[in-house]
PDB file of N, CA and C in Angstrom:
ATOM      1  N   MET A   1       0.877  -1.161   0.020  1.00  0.00           N
ATOM      2  CA  MET A   1      -0.177   0.163   0.019  1.00  0.00           C
ATOM      3  C   MET A   1       1.291   0.953  -0.114  1.00  0.00           C
ATOM      4  N   LEU A   2       0.431   2.217  -1.155  1.00  0.00           N
ATOM      5  CA  LEU A   2       1.226   3.315  -1.124  1.00  0.00           C
ATOM      6  C   LEU A   2       0.857   4.381   0.176  1.00  0.00           C
ATOM      7  N   THR A   3       1.598   4.799   0.907  1.00  0.00           N
ATOM      8  CA  THR A   3       1.145   5.935   2.064  1.00  0.00           C
ATOM      9  C   THR A   3       1.715   7.508   1.523  1.00  0.00           C
ATOM     10  N   GLU A   4       2.667   7.577   1.007  1.00  0.00           N
ATOM     11  CA  GLU A   4       3.238   9.002   0.614  1.00  0.00           C
ATOM     12  C   GLU A   4       3.963   8.690  -0.809  1.00  0.00           C
ATOM     13  N   ALA A   5       3.706  10.028  -1.455  1.00  0.00           N
ATOM     14  CA  ALA A   5       4.718  10.349  -3.007  1.00  0.00           C
ATOM     15  C   ALA A   5       4.662  11.606  -3.221  1.00  0.00           C
ATOM     16  N   ASN A   6       5.829  11.937  -3.456  1.00  0.00           N
ATOM     17  CA  ASN A   6       5.984  13.205  -4.465  1.00  0.00           C
ATOM     18  C   ASN A   6       7.274  13.467  -5.181  1.00  0.00           C
ATOM     19  N   ALA A   7       7.341  14.220  -6.107  1.00  0.00           N
ATOM     20  CA  ALA A   7       7.684  14.121  -7.114  1.00  0.00           C
ATOM     21  C   ALA A   7       8.549  15.969  -6.985  1.00  0.00           C
ATOM     22  N   THR A   8       9.837  15.732  -8.046  1.00  0.00           N
ATOM     23  CA  THR A   8      10.448  17.247  -7.696  1.00  0.00           C
ATOM     24  C   THR A   8      11.142  16.875  -9.342  1.00  0.00           C
ATOM     25  N   ARG A   9      11.286  18.159  -9.685  1.00  0.00           N
ATOM     26  CA  ARG A   9      11.855  18.309 -11.381  1.00  0.00           C
ATOM     27  C   ARG A   9      13.234  19.237 -10.479  1.00  0.00           C
ATOM     28  N   THR A  10      14.607  18.818 -11.419  1.00  0.00           N
ATOM     29  CA  THR A  10      15.424  19.930 -11.082  1.00  0.00           C
ATOM     30  C   THR A  10      16.315  19.228 -12.486  1.00  0.00           C
ATOM     31  N   ASP A  11      16.821  20.466 -13.578  1.00  0.00           N
ATOM     32  CA  ASP A  11      17.496  20.580 -14.326  1.00  0.00           C
ATOM     33  C   ASP A  11      17.302  19.264 -15.633  1.00  0.00           C
ATOM     34  N   GLY A  12      15.844  18.980 -15.886  1.00  0.00           N
ATOM     35  CA  GLY A  12      15.524  18.178 -16.540  1.00  0.00           C
ATOM     36  C   GLY A  12      15.243  16.939 -15.984  1.00  0.00           C
ATOM     37  N   LEU A  13      15.837  16.556 -14.941  1.00  0.00           N
ATOM     38  CA  LEU A  13      15.490  15.087 -13.971  1.00  0.00           C
ATOM     39  C   LEU A  13      14.440  15.260 -13.263  1.00  0.00           C
ATOM     40  N   LEU A  14      13.396  14.303 -13.489  1.00  0.00           N
ATOM     41  CA  LEU A  14      12.198  14.192 -12.306  1.00  0.00           C
ATOM     42  C   LEU A  14      12.889  12.951 -11.345  1.00  0.00           C
ATOM     43  N   THR A  15      12.707  13.231  -9.822  1.00  0.00           N
ATOM     44  CA  THR A  15      12.866  12.175  -9.093  1.00  0.00           C
ATOM     45  C   THR A  15      11.571  11.787  -8.131  1.00  0.00           C
ATOM     46  N   VAL A  16      11.233  10.660  -8.237  1.00  0.00           N
ATOM     47  CA  VAL A  16       9.983  10.706  -7.433  1.00  0.00           C
ATOM     48  C   VAL A  16      10.238   9.867  -6.211  1.00  0.00           C
ATOM     49  N   ARG A  17       9.660  10.022  -5.179  1.00  0.00           N
ATOM     50  CA  ARG A  17       9.645   9.535  -3.809  1.00  0.00           C
ATOM     51  C   ARG A  17       8.562   8.893  -3.723  1.00  0.00           C
ATOM     52  N   LEU A  18       8.736   7.957  -2.883  1.00  0.00           N
ATOM     53  CA  LEU A  18       7.559   6.769  -2.895  1.00  0.00           C
ATOM     54  C   LEU A  18       7.519   5.969  -1.508  1.00  0.00           C
ATOM     55  N   PHE A  19       6.717   6.106  -0.856  1.00  0.00           N
ATOM     56  CA  PHE A  19       6.631   5.583   0.687  1.00  0.00           C
ATOM     57  C   PHE A  19       5.681   4.556   0.811  1.00  0.00           C
ATOM     58  N   GLY A  20       5.677   3.302   1.287  1.00  0.00           N
ATOM     59  CA  GLY A  20       4.730   2.590   1.496  1.00  0.00           C
ATOM     60  C   GLY A  20       4.950   1.056   2.450  1.00  0.00           C
ATOM     61  N   GLN A  21       4.015   0.691   2.720  1.00  0.00           N
ATOM     62  CA  GLN A  21       3.775  -0.788   3.490  1.00  0.00           C
ATOM     63  C   GLN A  21       3.525  -1.977   2.916  1.00  0.00           C
ATOM     64  N   THR A  22       3.949  -3.062   2.886  1.00  0.00           N
ATOM     65  CA  THR A  22       3.857  -4.126   2.125  1.00  0.00           C
ATOM     66  C   THR A  22       2.107  -4.892   2.671  1.00  0.00           C
ATOM     67  N   PRO A  23       1.761  -5.257   2.122  1.00  0.00           N
ATOM     68  CA  PRO A  23       0.639  -5.836   2.951  1.00  0.00           C
ATOM     69  C   PRO A  23       0.882  -6.875   3.936  1.00  0.00           C
ATOM     70  N   THR A  24       1.986  -8.024   3.938  1.00  0.00           N
ATOM     71  CA  THR A  24       2.555  -9.155   4.745  1.00  0.00           C
ATOM     72  C   THR A  24       4.079  -8.682   4.876  1.00  0.00           C
ATOM     73  N   PRO A  25       4.559  -9.337   6.187  1.00  0.00           N
ATOM     74  CA  PRO A  25       6.075  -9.171   6.085  1.00  0.00           C
ATOM     75  C   PRO A  25       6.798 -10.346   5.175  1.00  0.00           C
ATOM     76  N   TYR A  26       5.994 -11.074   4.211  1.00  0.00           N
ATOM     77  CA  TYR A  26       6.372 -11.812   3.108  1.00  0.00           C
ATOM     78  C   TYR A  26       6.566 -11.343   2.000  1.00  0.00           C
ATOM     79  N   ASP A  27       6.264 -10.318   2.056  1.00  0.00           N
ATOM     80  CA  ASP A  27       5.970  -9.132   0.221  1.00  0.00           C
ATOM     81  C   ASP A  27       7.211  -8.440   0.298  1.00  0.00           C
ATOM     82  N   GLU A  28       6.905  -7.852  -0.876  1.00  0.00           N
ATOM     83  CA  GLU A  28       8.563  -6.598  -1.198  1.00  0.00           C
ATOM     84  C   GLU A  28       7.497  -5.884  -2.357  1.00  0.00           C
ATOM     85  N   ALA A  29       8.040  -4.758  -2.448  1.00  0.00           N
ATOM     86  CA  ALA A  29       7.840  -3.873  -3.548  1.00  0.00           C
ATOM     87  C   ALA A  29       8.676  -3.429  -4.643  1.00  0.00           C
ATOM     88  N   THR A  30       8.571  -3.485  -5.930  1.00  0.00           N
ATOM     89  CA  THR A  30       9.914  -3.497  -6.874  1.00  0.00           C
ATOM     90  C   THR A  30       8.985  -2.883  -7.916  1.00  0.00           C
ATOM     91  N   ILE A  31       9.687  -1.517  -8.862  1.00  0.00           N
ATOM     92  CA  ILE A  31       9.553  -1.294 -10.061  1.00  0.00           C
ATOM     93  C   ILE A  31       9.787  -2.019 -11.081  1.00  0.00           C
ATOM     94  N   VAL A  32       8.516  -1.969 -11.827  1.00  0.00           N
ATOM     95  CA  VAL A  32       8.478  -2.795 -13.404  1.00  0.00           C
ATOM     96  C   VAL A  32       8.176  -2.252 -14.089  1.00  0.00           C
ATOM     97  N   GLY A  33       8.123  -0.629 -13.933  1.00  0.00           N
ATOM     98  CA  GLY A  33       8.335   0.105 -15.429  1.00  0.00           C
ATOM     99  C   GLY A  33       7.919   1.482 -15.015  1.00  0.00           C
ATOM    100  N   TYR A  34       8.572   2.484 -15.826  1.00  0.00           N
ATOM    101  CA  TYR A  34       8.156   3.941 -16.204  1.00  0.00           C
ATOM    102  C   TYR A  34       8.209   4.648 -17.368  1.00  0.00           C
ATOM    103  N   TYR A  35       7.242   5.949 -16.934  1.00  0.00           N
ATOM    104  CA  TYR A  35       7.404   6.339 -18.891  1.00  0.00           C
ATOM    105  C   TYR A  35       7.654   7.853 -17.858  1.00  0.00           C
ATOM    106  N   PRO A  36       8.407   8.727 -18.987  1.00  0.00           N
ATOM    107  CA  PRO A  36       9.099   8.225 -20.154  1.00  0.00           C
ATOM    108  C   PRO A  36      10.140   7.196 -19.697  1.00  0.00           C
ATOM    109  N   GLY A  37      10.415   6.146 -20.445  1.00  0.00           N
ATOM    110  CA  GLY A  37      11.569   5.360 -20.030  1.00  0.00           C
ATOM    111  C   GLY A  37      11.299   3.574 -20.670  1.00  0.00           C
ATOM    112  N   THR A  38      11.032   2.868 -20.039  1.00  0.00           N
ATOM    113  CA  THR A  38      11.045   1.607 -20.553  1.00  0.00           C
ATOM    114  C   THR A  38       9.746   1.547 -20.962  1.00  0.00           C
ATOM    115  N   ILE A  39       8.378   2.268 -20.806  1.00  0.00           N
ATOM    116  CA  ILE A  39       7.312   2.133 -21.216  1.00  0.00           C
ATOM    117  C   ILE A  39       6.852   3.216 -22.539  1.00  0.00           C
ATOM    118  N   THR A  40       6.425   2.542 -23.767  1.00  0.00           N
ATOM    119  CA  THR A  40       6.027   3.789 -24.561  1.00  0.00           C
ATOM    120  C   THR A  40       4.802   3.585 -24.836  1.00  0.00           C
ATOM    121  N   TYR A  41       3.862   4.686 -25.316  1.00  0.00           N
ATOM    122  CA  TYR A  41       2.700   5.140 -26.119  1.00  0.00           C
ATOM    123  C   TYR A  41       2.777   5.446 -27.283  1.00  0.00           C
ATOM    124  N   LEU A  42       1.935   5.229 -27.976  1.00  0.00           N
ATOM    125  CA  LEU A  42       1.276   5.626 -29.372  1.00  0.00           C
ATOM    126  C   LEU A  42       1.180   7.369 -29.198  1.00  0.00           C
ATOM    127  N   THR A  43       0.273   7.472 -28.253  1.00  0.00           N
ATOM    128  CA  THR A  43      -0.319   9.047 -27.708  1.00  0.00           C
ATOM    129  C   THR A  43       0.669   9.028 -26.391  1.00  0.00           C
ATOM    130  N   ASP A  44       0.657  10.530 -26.040  1.00  0.00           N
ATOM    131  CA  ASP A  44       1.451  10.645 -24.483  1.00  0.00           C
ATOM    132  C   ASP A  44       0.352  10.566 -23.829  1.00  0.00           C
ATOM    133  N   PRO A  45       0.401  10.218 -22.301  1.00  0.00           N
ATOM    134  CA  PRO A  45      -0.636  10.015 -21.696  1.00  0.00           C
ATOM    135  C   PRO A  45      -0.559  11.456 -21.001  1.00  0.00           C
ATOM    136  N   PHE A  46       0.234  12.561 -21.131  1.00  0.00           N
ATOM    137  CA  PHE A  46      -0.115  13.846 -20.280  1.00  0.00           C
ATOM    138  C   PHE A  46       0.383  13.697 -19.103  1.00  0.00           C
ATOM    139  N   SER A  47       1.529  12.336 -18.493  1.00  0.00           N
ATOM    140  CA  SER A  47       1.773  12.654 -17.065  1.00  0.00           C
ATOM    141  C   SER A  47       2.466  11.270 -16.867  1.00  0.00           C
ATOM    142  N   ALA A  48       3.859  11.840 -16.366  1.00  0.00           N
ATOM    143  CA  ALA A  48       5.101  10.654 -16.021  1.00  0.00           C
ATOM    144  C   ALA A  48       4.448   9.979 -15.501  1.00  0.00           C
ATOM    145  N   GLN A  49       4.681   8.619 -15.370  1.00  0.00           N
ATOM    146  CA  GLN A  49       4.492   7.378 -15.432  1.00  0.00           C
ATOM    147  C   GLN A  49       5.193   6.654 -14.250  1.00  0.00           C
ATOM    148  N   ILE A  50       5.053   5.923 -13.017  1.00  0.00           N
ATOM    149  CA  ILE A  50       5.637   4.761 -12.639  1.00  0.00           C
ATOM    150  C   ILE A  50       4.975   3.530 -12.121  1.00  0.00           C
ATOM    151  N   PHE A  51       5.363   2.572 -12.136  1.00  0.00           N
ATOM    152  CA  PHE A  51       4.647   1.098 -11.808  1.00  0.00           C
ATOM    153  C   PHE A  51       5.504   0.679 -11.199  1.00  0.00           C
ATOM    154  N   ILE A  52       4.632   0.095 -10.002  1.00  0.00           N
ATOM    155  CA  ILE A  52       5.083  -0.494  -8.670  1.00  0.00           C
ATOM    156  C   ILE A  52       4.327  -2.011  -8.393  1.00  0.00           C
ATOM    157  N   ARG A  53       5.046  -3.091  -8.456  1.00  0.00           N
ATOM    158  CA  ARG A  53       4.153  -4.456  -8.156  1.00  0.00           C
ATOM    159  C   ARG A  53       4.510  -4.739  -6.542  1.00  0.00           C
ATOM    160  N   GLU A  54       3.788  -4.950  -5.664  1.00  0.00           N
ATOM    161  CA  GLU A  54       3.958  -5.381  -4.540  1.00  0.00           C
ATOM    162  C   GLU A  54       3.821  -6.918  -4.979  1.00  0.00           C
ATOM    163  N   GLU A  55       4.873  -8.252  -4.299  1.00  0.00           N
ATOM    164  CA  GLU A  55       3.992  -9.622  -4.640  1.00  0.00           C
ATOM    165  C   GLU A  55       5.441 -10.266  -3.457  1.00  0.00           C
ATOM    166  N   ARG A  56       5.018 -11.385  -3.212  1.00  0.00           N
ATOM    167  CA  ARG A  56       5.640 -12.076  -2.533  1.00  0.00           C
ATOM    168  C   ARG A  56       7.215 -12.598  -2.957  1.00  0.00           C
ATOM    169  N   LYS A  57       8.329 -12.226  -1.688  1.00  0.00           N
ATOM    170  CA  LYS A  57       9.313 -12.567  -2.059  1.00  0.00           C
ATOM    171  C   LYS A  57       9.854 -13.723  -2.669  1.00  0.00           C
ATOM    172  N   SER A  58      10.911 -13.700  -3.505  1.00  0.00           N
ATOM    173  CA  SER A  58      11.556 -14.824  -4.417  1.00  0.00           C
ATOM    174  C   SER A  58      11.557 -16.397  -3.027  1.00  0.00           C
ATOM    175  N   GLY A  59      10.805 -17.415  -3.346  1.00  0.00           N
ATOM    176  CA  GLY A  59      11.091 -18.807  -2.271  1.00  0.00           C
ATOM    177  C   GLY A  59       9.951 -18.824  -1.325  1.00  0.00           C
ATOM    178  N   LEU A  60       9.019 -17.369  -1.290  1.00  0.00           N
ATOM    179  CA  LEU A  60       8.047 -17.777  -0.100  1.00  0.00           C
ATOM    180  C   LEU A  60       7.189 -17.843  -0.534  1.00  0.00           C
ATOM    181  N   GLU A  61       6.270 -18.082  -1.818  1.00  0.00           N
ATOM    182  CA  GLU A  61       5.072 -17.686  -2.633  1.00  0.00           C
ATOM    183  C   GLU A  61       4.378 -18.703  -2.062  1.00  0.00           C
ATOM    184  N   ASN A  62       4.380 -19.830  -1.550  1.00  0.00           N
ATOM    185  CA  ASN A  62       3.530 -21.002  -1.056  1.00  0.00           C
ATOM    186  C   ASN A  62       3.647 -21.175   0.473  1.00  0.00           C
ATOM    187  N   MET A  63       4.316 -20.162   1.039  1.00  0.00           N
ATOM    188  CA  MET A  63       4.430 -20.139   2.649  1.00  0.00           C
ATOM    189  C   MET A  63       2.775 -19.702   3.279  1.00  0.00           C
ATOM    190  N   TYR A  64       2.614 -19.924   4.385  1.00  0.00           N
ATOM    191  CA  TYR A  64       2.089 -19.202   5.347  1.00  0.00           C
ATOM    192  C   TYR A  64       2.539 -17.999   5.931  1.00  0.00           C
ATOM    193  N   CYS A  65       1.715 -16.943   5.735  1.00  0.00           N
ATOM    194  CA  CYS A  65       1.758 -15.996   6.183  1.00  0.00           C
ATOM    195  C   CYS A  65       1.020 -15.172   7.143  1.00  0.00           C
ATOM    196  N   PRO A  66       1.649 -14.299   8.192  1.00  0.00           N
ATOM    197  CA  PRO A  66       0.774 -14.327   9.197  1.00  0.00           C
ATOM    198  C   PRO A  66       0.031 -12.699   9.007  1.00  0.00           C
ATOM    199  N   PRO A  67      -1.223 -12.670   8.935  1.00  0.00           N
ATOM    200  CA  PRO A  67      -2.222 -11.526   9.121  1.00  0.00           C
ATOM    201  C   PRO A  67      -2.182 -10.266  10.102  1.00  0.00           C
ATOM    202  N   VAL A  68      -0.431  -9.779   9.618  1.00  0.00           N
ATOM    203  CA  VAL A  68       0.114  -8.407   9.866  1.00  0.00           C
ATOM    204  C   VAL A  68       0.500  -7.574   8.616  1.00  0.00           C
ATOM    205  N   LEU A  69       0.560  -6.467   9.092  1.00  0.00           N
ATOM    206  CA  LEU A  69       1.267  -5.719   7.896  1.00  0.00           C
ATOM    207  C   LEU A  69       2.843  -5.599   7.932  1.00  0.00           C
ATOM    208  N   GLY A  70       3.261  -5.630   7.164  1.00  0.00           N
ATOM    209  CA  GLY A  70       4.864  -6.073   6.636  1.00  0.00           C
ATOM    210  C   GLY A  70       5.825  -4.723   6.305  1.00  0.00           C
ATOM    211  N   ASP A  71       6.898  -4.748   6.305  1.00  0.00           N
ATOM    212  CA  ASP A  71       7.780  -4.037   6.354  1.00  0.00           C
ATOM    213  C   ASP A  71       7.947  -2.645   5.948  1.00  0.00           C
ATOM    214  N   THR A  72       7.992  -1.051   5.748  1.00  0.00           N
ATOM    215  CA  THR A  72       7.507  -0.530   5.113  1.00  0.00           C
ATOM    216  C   THR A  72       8.990  -0.439   3.893  1.00  0.00           C
ATOM    217  N   TRP A  73       8.304   0.379   3.051  1.00  0.00           N
ATOM    218  CA  TRP A  73       9.577  -0.105   1.965  1.00  0.00           C
ATOM    219  C   TRP A  73       9.544   1.739   1.348  1.00  0.00           C
ATOM    220  N   ILE A  74      10.611   2.201   0.867  1.00  0.00           N
ATOM    221  CA  ILE A  74      11.210   3.407   0.141  1.00  0.00           C
ATOM    222  C   ILE A  74      11.736   3.201  -1.026  1.00  0.00           C
ATOM    223  N   ILE A  75      10.923   3.967  -2.071  1.00  0.00           N
ATOM    224  CA  ILE A  75      11.699   3.940  -3.661  1.00  0.00           C
ATOM    225  C   ILE A  75      11.752   5.126  -4.008  1.00  0.00           C
ATOM    226  N   ASN A  76      13.017   5.316  -4.352  1.00  0.00           N
ATOM    227  CA  ASN A  76      13.285   6.550  -5.351  1.00  0.00           C
ATOM    228  C   ASN A  76      13.760   6.497  -6.942  1.00  0.00           C
ATOM    229  N   HIS A  77      13.336   7.044  -7.686  1.00  0.00           N
ATOM    230  CA  HIS A  77      13.652   6.424  -8.560  1.00  0.00           C
ATOM    231  C   HIS A  77      13.516   8.059  -9.269  1.00  0.00           C
ATOM    232  N   ILE A  78      14.606   8.050 -10.655  1.00  0.00           N
ATOM    233  CA  ILE A  78      15.164   9.311 -11.362  1.00  0.00           C
ATOM    234  C   ILE A  78      14.236   8.758 -12.825  1.00  0.00           C
ATOM    235  N   ILE A  79      13.517  10.115 -13.518  1.00  0.00           N
ATOM    236  CA  ILE A  79      13.339   9.518 -14.758  1.00  0.00           C
ATOM    237  C   ILE A  79      13.805  10.900 -15.509  1.00  0.00           C
ATOM    238  N   ARG A  80      14.135  10.844 -16.528  1.00  0.00           N
ATOM    239  CA  ARG A  80      14.990  12.072 -17.265  1.00  0.00           C
ATOM    240  C   ARG A  80      12.962  12.543 -17.977  1.00  0.00           C
ATOM    241  N   ASP A  81      13.007  13.878 -17.946  1.00  0.00           N
ATOM    242  CA  ASP A  81      11.684  13.602 -18.003  1.00  0.00           C
ATOM    243  C   ASP A  81      11.592  15.628 -17.871  1.00  0.00           C
ATOM    244  N   THR A  82      11.334  16.707 -18.967  1.00  0.00           N
ATOM    245  CA  THR A  82      11.054  18.234 -18.916  1.00  0.00           C
ATOM    246  C   THR A  82       9.697  18.242 -19.092  1.00  0.00           C
ATOM    247  N   TYR A  83       8.991  18.160 -19.981  1.00  0.00           N
ATOM    248  CA  TYR A  83       7.600  18.206 -19.937  1.00  0.00           C
ATOM    249  C   TYR A  83       6.531  18.108 -18.754  1.00  0.00           C
ATOM    250  N   HIS A  84       6.023  16.842 -18.318  1.00  0.00           N
ATOM    251  CA  HIS A  84       5.070  16.352 -17.588  1.00  0.00           C
ATOM    252  C   HIS A  84       4.737  17.363 -16.126  1.00  0.00           C
ATOM    253  N   LYS A  85       3.827  17.819 -16.024  1.00  0.00           N
ATOM    254  CA  LYS A  85       3.099  18.504 -14.682  1.00  0.00           C
ATOM    255  C   LYS A  85       2.892  17.300 -13.574  1.00  0.00           C
ATOM    256  N   THR A  86       2.721  16.261 -13.823  1.00  0.00           N
ATOM    257  CA  THR A  86       1.939  15.152 -12.647  1.00  0.00           C
ATOM    258  C   THR A  86       2.963  14.058 -13.292  1.00  0.00           C
ATOM    259  N   VAL A  87       2.772  13.484 -12.053  1.00  0.00           N
ATOM    260  CA  VAL A  87       3.254  11.606 -12.031  1.00  0.00           C
ATOM    261  C   VAL A  87       2.093  11.201 -11.423  1.00  0.00           C
ATOM    262  N   GLU A  88       1.888  10.098 -12.268  1.00  0.00           N
ATOM    263  CA  GLU A  88       0.966   8.758 -11.806  1.00  0.00           C
ATOM    264  C   GLU A  88       1.234   7.838 -11.234  1.00  0.00           C
ATOM    265  N   ILE A  89       1.246   7.109 -10.352  1.00  0.00           N
ATOM    266  CA  ILE A  89       1.681   5.752  -9.438  1.00  0.00           C
ATOM    267  C   ILE A  89       0.687   4.924  -9.409  1.00  0.00           C
ATOM    268  N   PHE A  90       1.327   4.195 -10.127  1.00  0.00           N
ATOM    269  CA  PHE A  90       0.224   2.872 -10.365  1.00  0.00           C
ATOM    270  C   PHE A  90       0.638   1.516  -9.451  1.00  0.00           C
ATOM    271  N   LEU A  91       0.232   1.135  -8.806  1.00  0.00           N
ATOM    272  CA  LEU A  91       0.430  -0.186  -7.639  1.00  0.00           C
ATOM    273  C   LEU A  91      -0.446  -1.193  -8.230  1.00  0.00           C
ATOM    274  N   ASN A  92       0.151  -2.250  -8.736  1.00  0.00           N
ATOM    275  CA  ASN A  92      -0.574  -3.587  -9.006  1.00  0.00           C
ATOM    276  C   ASN A  92      -1.556  -3.316  -9.960  1.00  0.00           C
ATOM    277  N   GLY A  93      -1.228  -2.732 -11.106  1.00  0.00           N
ATOM    278  CA  GLY A  93      -2.121  -2.085 -12.193  1.00  0.00           C
ATOM    279  C   GLY A  93      -3.022  -1.351 -11.926  1.00  0.00           C
ATOM    280  N   CYS A  94      -3.168  -0.667 -10.693  1.00  0.00           N
ATOM    281  CA  CYS A  94      -4.285   0.385 -10.011  1.00  0.00           C
ATOM    282  C   CYS A  94      -3.636   1.467 -10.107  1.00  0.00           C
ATOM    283  N   LEU A  95      -4.182   2.674 -10.847  1.00  0.00           N
ATOM    284  CA  LEU A  95      -3.954   4.102 -10.020  1.00  0.00           C
ATOM    285  C   LEU A  95      -3.655   4.438  -8.802  1.00  0.00           C
ATOM    286  N   ALA A  96      -3.167   4.300  -7.893  1.00  0.00           N
ATOM    287  CA  ALA A  96      -2.675   4.500  -6.479  1.00  0.00           C
ATOM    288  C   ALA A  96      -2.634   5.963  -6.076  1.00  0.00           C
ATOM    289  N   ARG A  97      -2.316   6.924  -7.015  1.00  0.00           N
ATOM    290  CA  ARG A  97      -1.891   8.277  -6.652  1.00  0.00           C
ATOM    291  C   ARG A  97      -1.495   9.172  -7.595  1.00  0.00           C
ATOM    292  N   LYS A  98      -2.110  10.211  -7.772  1.00  0.00           N
ATOM    293  CA  LYS A  98      -1.208  10.998  -9.039  1.00  0.00           C
ATOM    294  C   LYS A  98      -0.933  12.357  -7.975  1.00  0.00           C
ATOM    295  N   VAL A  99       0.386  12.578  -8.355  1.00  0.00           N
ATOM    296  CA  VAL A  99       1.345  14.002  -7.297  1.00  0.00           C
ATOM    297  C   VAL A  99       1.287  14.958  -8.350  1.00  0.00           C
ATOM    298  N   ARG A 100       1.612  16.302  -7.847  1.00  0.00           N
ATOM    299  CA  ARG A 100       2.243  17.505  -8.869  1.00  0.00           C
ATOM    300  C   ARG A 100       3.699  17.267  -9.025  1.00  0.00           C
ATOM    301  N   VAL A 101       4.234  18.149  -9.943  1.00  0.00           N
ATOM    302  CA  VAL A 101       5.783  18.146  -9.943  1.00  0.00           C
ATOM    303  C   VAL A 101       5.889  19.066  -9.313  1.00  0.00           C
ATOM    304  N   ILE A 102       6.893  19.481  -8.375  1.00  0.00           N
ATOM    305  CA  ILE A 102       7.403  20.467  -7.786  1.00  0.00           C
ATOM    306  C   ILE A 102       8.609  20.940  -8.820  1.00  0.00           C
ATOM    307  N   GLU A 103       8.884  22.227  -9.544  1.00  0.00           N
ATOM    308  CA  GLU A 103       9.874  22.572 -10.066  1.00  0.00           C
ATOM    309  C   GLU A 103      11.037  23.009  -9.035  1.00  0.00           C
ATOM    310  N   LEU A 104      12.101  22.785  -8.989  1.00  0.00           N
ATOM    311  CA  LEU A 104      13.130  23.270  -8.225  1.00  0.00           C
ATOM    312  C   LEU A 104      14.276  24.213  -8.929  1.00  0.00           C
ATOM    313  N   THR A 105      13.802  25.508  -8.900  1.00  0.00           N
ATOM    314  CA  THR A 105      15.059  26.971 -10.204  1.00  0.00           C
ATOM    315  C   THR A 105      15.983  26.108  -9.147  1.00  0.00           C
ATOM    316  N   GLU A 106      17.419  26.843 -10.294  1.00  0.00           N
ATOM    317  CA  GLU A 106      18.876  27.247  -9.744  1.00  0.00           C
ATOM    318  C   GLU A 106      19.265  27.649  -8.650  1.00  0.00           C
ATOM    319  N   LYS A 107      18.236  28.461  -8.033  1.00  0.00           N
ATOM    320  CA  LYS A 107      18.339  29.229  -7.133  1.00  0.00           C
ATOM    321  C   LYS A 107      17.488  28.662  -5.734  1.00  0.00           C
ATOM    322  N   ASN A 108      17.128  27.544  -6.032  1.00  0.00           N
ATOM    323  CA  ASN A 108      16.409  26.497  -4.791  1.00  0.00           C
ATOM    324  C   ASN A 108      14.987  26.886  -4.183  1.00  0.00           C
ATOM    325  N   ILE A 109      14.324  28.150  -5.250  1.00  0.00           N
ATOM    326  CA  ILE A 109      13.391  28.468  -5.002  1.00  0.00           C
ATOM    327  C   ILE A 109      12.116  27.327  -5.621  1.00  0.00           C
ATOM    328  N   ILE A 110      11.421  27.207  -4.541  1.00  0.00           N
ATOM    329  CA  ILE A 110      10.409  26.197  -5.403  1.00  0.00           C
ATOM    330  C   ILE A 110       9.130  26.909  -6.161  1.00  0.00           C
ATOM    331  N   ASN A 111       8.747  26.409  -7.210  1.00  0.00           N
ATOM    332  CA  ASN A 111       7.869  26.470  -8.120  1.00  0.00           C
ATOM    333  C   ASN A 111       6.992  25.577  -8.068  1.00  0.00           C
ATOM    334  N   ILE A 112       5.548  25.745  -7.464  1.00  0.00           N
ATOM    335  CA  ILE A 112       4.608  24.526  -7.877  1.00  0.00           C
ATOM    336  C   ILE A 112       3.856  25.073  -9.432  1.00  0.00           C
ATOM    337  N   ILE A 113       4.198  23.918 -10.126  1.00  0.00           N
ATOM    338  CA  ILE A 113       3.366  23.511 -11.212  1.00  0.00           C
ATOM    339  C   ILE A 113       1.838  23.557 -11.024  1.00  0.00           C
ATOM    340  N   ASP A 114       1.024  24.670 -11.617  1.00  0.00           N
ATOM    341  CA  ASP A 114      -0.783  24.520 -11.359  1.00  0.00           C
ATOM    342  C   ASP A 114      -0.711  23.494 -12.445  1.00  0.00           C
ATOM    343  N   LEU A 115      -1.786  22.452 -12.291  1.00  0.00           N
ATOM    344  CA  LEU A 115      -2.427  21.273 -13.062  1.00  0.00           C
ATOM    345  C   LEU A 115      -3.369  22.300 -13.962  1.00  0.00           C
TER     346      LEU A 115
END
């Protein structure tokens, strides 16, 4: 489950920071793709995208798991992007959150881009 997300851009590099918690102690979260980058579209979706999958750790697929929340996870990912004003975060194929991109200028002044 995704608990927090933010995105900043400096010099054409979009840094996406994601925080969450796995549903069980035997699960883990990994990046399976991102746009622009590993995923291509015929038409632009007008938003940068990152795809996260939470699944069982390798070797623990068939084991009984206690019904408690698992570990917290943090993912920091950099995407080369100068255009998009928002980032869509997909978790297990479903849109979990859409966040605004915060522009950081050379003088470290934060400019929030309007949607």
